[in-house]
C-alpha atoms as a PDB file:
ATOM      1  CA  MET A   1      -0.102  -0.339  -0.085  1.00  0.00           C
ATOM      2  CA  SER A   2       1.269   3.179  -1.049  1.00  0.00           C
ATOM      3  CA  ASP A   3       1.423   6.570   0.993  1.00  0.00           C
ATOM      4  CA  GLN A   4      -1.082   7.763  -1.769  1.00  0.00           C
ATOM      5  CA  ASP A   5      -3.634   4.945  -1.275  1.00  0.00           C
ATOM      6  CA  THR A   6      -3.215   5.896   2.652  1.00  0.00           C
ATOM      7  CA  THR A   7      -4.015   9.132   1.936  1.00  0.00           C
ATOM      8  CA  ASP A   8      -7.083   8.421  -0.696  1.00  0.00           C
ATOM      9  CA  ASN A   9      -8.517   6.237   2.355  1.00  0.00           C
ATOM     10  CA  PHE A  10      -7.962   8.784   4.924  1.00  0.00           C
ATOM     11  CA  TRP A  11     -10.126  11.372   2.470  1.00  0.00           C
ATOM     12  CA  THR A  12     -12.606   8.641   1.685  1.00  0.00           C
ATOM     13  CA  ALA A  13     -13.400   7.955   5.320  1.00  0.00           C
ATOM     14  CA  PHE A  14     -13.032  11.734   6.415  1.00  0.00           C
ATOM     15  CA  ASN A  15     -15.800  12.854   3.514  1.00  0.00           C
ATOM     16  CA  SER A  16     -18.124  10.039   4.577  1.00  0.00           C
ATOM     17  CA  TRP A  17     -18.100  10.567   8.051  1.00  0.00           C
ATOM     18  CA  ALA A  18     -21.705  11.750   9.583  1.00  0.00           C
ATOM     19  CA  PRO A  19     -21.557  14.138  12.404  1.00  0.00           C
ATOM     20  CA  GLN A  20     -23.407  12.238  15.521  1.00  0.00           C
ATOM     21  CA  ALA A  21     -26.593  13.609  16.463  1.00  0.00           C
ATOM     22  CA  GLU A  22     -26.818  16.278  18.707  1.00  0.00           C
ATOM     23  CA  LEU A  23     -26.474  15.541  22.564  1.00  0.00           C
ATOM     24  CA  LYS A  24     -29.540  15.829  24.234  1.00  0.00           C
ATOM     25  CA  PRO A  25     -29.495  17.291  27.612  1.00  0.00           C
ATOM     26  CA  PRO A  26     -29.374  15.113  30.669  1.00  0.00           C
ATOM     27  CA  LEU A  27     -32.778  13.695  32.239  1.00  0.00           C
ATOM     28  CA  TYR A  28     -33.511  14.497  35.911  1.00  0.00           C
ATOM     29  CA  ARG A  29     -36.363  12.487  37.021  1.00  0.00           C
ATOM     30  CA  VAL A  30     -38.394  11.669  40.019  1.00  0.00           C
ATOM     31  CA  TYR A  31     -40.751   8.558  39.496  1.00  0.00           C
ATOM     32  CA  TYR A  32     -43.685   8.530  42.113  1.00  0.00           C
ATOM     33  CA  ASN A  33     -46.406   6.426  43.056  1.00  0.00           C
ATOM     34  CA  GLU A  34     -50.218   7.379  42.672  1.00  0.00           C
ATOM     35  CA  GLN A  35     -50.324   9.089  46.225  1.00  0.00           C
ATOM     36  CA  GLY A  36     -47.348  11.120  45.086  1.00  0.00           C
ATOM     37  CA  TYR A  37     -44.524   9.776  46.901  1.00  0.00           C
ATOM     38  CA  PRO A  38     -41.109   9.583  45.465  1.00  0.00           C
ATOM     39  CA  LEU A  39     -39.911   5.901  44.511  1.00  0.00           C
ATOM     40  CA  PHE A  40     -36.495   6.578  42.891  1.00  0.00           C
ATOM     41  CA  LEU A  41     -34.424   9.177  41.059  1.00  0.00           C
ATOM     42  CA  THR A  42     -33.111   8.319  37.704  1.00  0.00           C
ATOM     43  CA  ASN A  43     -31.287   9.793  34.672  1.00  0.00           C
ATOM     44  CA  GLU A  44     -33.491   7.412  32.419  1.00  0.00           C
ATOM     45  CA  ASP A  45     -36.782   7.321  30.364  1.00  0.00           C
ATOM     46  CA  LEU A  46     -38.642   4.843  32.196  1.00  0.00           C
ATOM     47  CA  PRO A  47     -42.543   4.084  32.081  1.00  0.00           C
ATOM     48  CA  GLY A  48     -44.402   5.387  34.811  1.00  0.00           C
ATOM     49  CA  ASN A  49     -45.722   8.505  36.798  1.00  0.00           C
ATOM     50  CA  TYR A  50     -42.572  11.102  37.060  1.00  0.00           C
ATOM     51  CA  ILE A  51     -41.617  14.790  36.933  1.00  0.00           C
ATOM     52  CA  ASP A  52     -38.538  16.468  35.528  1.00  0.00           C
ATOM     53  CA  ILE A  53     -36.658  18.372  37.909  1.00  0.00           C
ATOM     54  CA  ASP A  54     -33.316  20.855  37.722  1.00  0.00           C
ATOM     55  CA  ARG A  55     -29.838  19.171  38.516  1.00  0.00           C
ATOM     56  CA  GLU A  56     -29.534  20.995  41.891  1.00  0.00           C
ATOM     57  CA  THR A  57     -32.938  19.426  43.500  1.00  0.00           C
ATOM     58  CA  PHE A  58     -31.533  16.012  41.825  1.00  0.00           C
ATOM     59  CA  VAL A  59     -28.106  16.270  43.539  1.00  0.00           C
ATOM     60  CA  ASP A  60     -29.585  17.572  46.881  1.00  0.00           C
ATOM     61  CA  PHE A  61     -33.173  15.878  46.673  1.00  0.00           C
ATOM     62  CA  PRO A  62     -35.390  16.854  50.060  1.00  0.00           C
ATOM     63  CA  LYS A  63     -36.045  13.671  52.231  1.00  0.00           C
ATOM     64  CA  TYR A  64     -39.524  14.660  52.760  1.00  0.00           C
ATOM     65  CA  VAL A  65     -41.412  15.627  49.611  1.00  0.00           C
ATOM     66  CA  ARG A  66     -44.823  14.463  47.502  1.00  0.00           C
ATOM     67  CA  VAL A  67     -45.617  15.183  44.061  1.00  0.00           C
ATOM     68  CA  VAL A  68     -48.614  17.129  44.062  1.00  0.00           C
ATOM     69  CA  ALA A  69     -50.035  18.545  40.466  1.00  0.00           C
ATOM     70  CA  GLY A  70     -46.759  17.800  38.955  1.00  0.00           C
ATOM     71  CA  LYS A  71     -44.645  20.032  41.362  1.00  0.00           C
ATOM     72  CA  LEU A  72     -42.682  18.878  44.674  1.00  0.00           C
ATOM     73  CA  GLU A  73     -44.387  19.980  47.710  1.00  0.00           C
ATOM     74  CA  LEU A  74     -42.399  19.778  50.959  1.00  0.00           C
ATOM     75  CA  LEU A  75     -43.867  17.734  53.611  1.00  0.00           C
ATOM     76  CA  GLN A  76     -43.943  19.396  57.266  1.00  0.00           C
ATOM     77  CA  VAL A  77     -42.162  17.147  59.672  1.00  0.00           C
ATOM     78  CA  HIS A  78     -43.064  17.025  63.589  1.00  0.00           C
ATOM     79  CA  HIS A  79     -40.186  16.206  65.722  1.00  0.00           C
ATOM     80  CA  VAL A  80     -40.498  14.458  68.640  1.00  0.00           C
ATOM     81  CA  SER A  81     -39.554  15.826  72.150  1.00  0.00           C
ATOM     82  CA  LYS A  82     -38.448  13.417  74.932  1.00  0.00           C
ATOM     83  CA  LEU A  83     -37.759  13.595  78.320  1.00  0.00           C
ATOM     84  CA  VAL A  84     -34.143  13.235  79.845  1.00  0.00           C
ATOM     85  CA  PRO A  85     -32.792  13.408  83.484  1.00  0.00           C
ATOM     86  CA  GLY A  86     -30.751  16.142  84.268  1.00  0.00           C
ATOM     87  CA  GLU A  87     -29.435  18.789  86.846  1.00  0.00           C
ATOM     88  CA  SER A  88     -32.585  21.041  86.066  1.00  0.00           C
ATOM     89  CA  GLY A  89     -36.270  20.343  85.317  1.00  0.00           C
ATOM     90  CA  THR A  90     -39.236  18.719  87.352  1.00  0.00           C
ATOM     91  CA  PRO A  91     -38.460  17.103  90.277  1.00  0.00           C
ATOM     92  CA  CYS A  92     -40.373  13.304  89.717  1.00  0.00           C
ATOM     93  CA  ALA A  93     -40.102  10.362  92.069  1.00  0.00           C
ATOM     94  CA  PRO A  94     -36.955   7.944  91.286  1.00  0.00           C
ATOM     95  CA  THR A  95     -38.928   5.033  90.205  1.00  0.00           C
ATOM     96  CA  ASP A  96     -41.861   6.808  88.235  1.00  0.00           C
ATOM     97  CA  VAL A  97     -41.477   9.631  85.958  1.00  0.00           C
ATOM     98  CA  SER A  98     -45.431  10.254  85.903  1.00  0.00           C
ATOM     99  CA  VAL A  99     -45.263  11.278  89.773  1.00  0.00           C
ATOM    100  CA  VAL A 100     -44.156  14.799  90.409  1.00  0.00           C
ATOM    101  CA  VAL A 101     -42.771  15.333  93.806  1.00  0.00           C
ATOM    102  CA  SER A 102     -41.482  17.976  96.014  1.00  0.00           C
ATOM    103  CA  SER A 103     -37.769  19.002  95.488  1.00  0.00           C
ATOM    104  CA  GLU A 104     -37.134  18.237  99.331  1.00  0.00           C
ATOM    105  CA  GLN A 105     -37.809  14.624  98.492  1.00  0.00           C
ATOM    106  CA  GLN A 106     -35.635  12.185  97.052  1.00  0.00           C
ATOM    107  CA  HIS A 107     -36.330  12.655  93.323  1.00  0.00           C
ATOM    108  CA  VAL A 108     -34.765  12.777  89.735  1.00  0.00           C
ATOM    109  CA  LYS A 109     -35.151  16.349  87.603  1.00  0.00           C
ATOM    110  CA  TRP A 110     -36.276  15.770  83.982  1.00  0.00           C
ATOM    111  CA  SER A 111     -36.738  18.243  81.591  1.00  0.00           C
ATOM    112  CA  LEU A 112     -37.777  17.968  77.901  1.00  0.00           C
ATOM    113  CA  LYS A 113     -35.429  17.998  74.889  1.00  0.00           C
END
């Protein structure tokens, strides 16, 4: 094979090259169930109920959300308080936190955390 054959082969291949189709922007989707609760996040086009979201939401997806009318809605989360023993608080019987006693009696102090 001569240098000219190599050059001709190059130009034949170059001229027959077709540019690739334009790249589509990436998908960021949330698939959800009938009640609107998220099932999973994906970059794929799959069957089922979904909404498109932006990249920032996809990366930092909120934990407590629901899909309502095609939009993400943040759910209110109720935090639970609990009683903990400590140096300050309400004096209670040592064996029963539900019995409030005077501070002169033997007691354990409880407060909300």
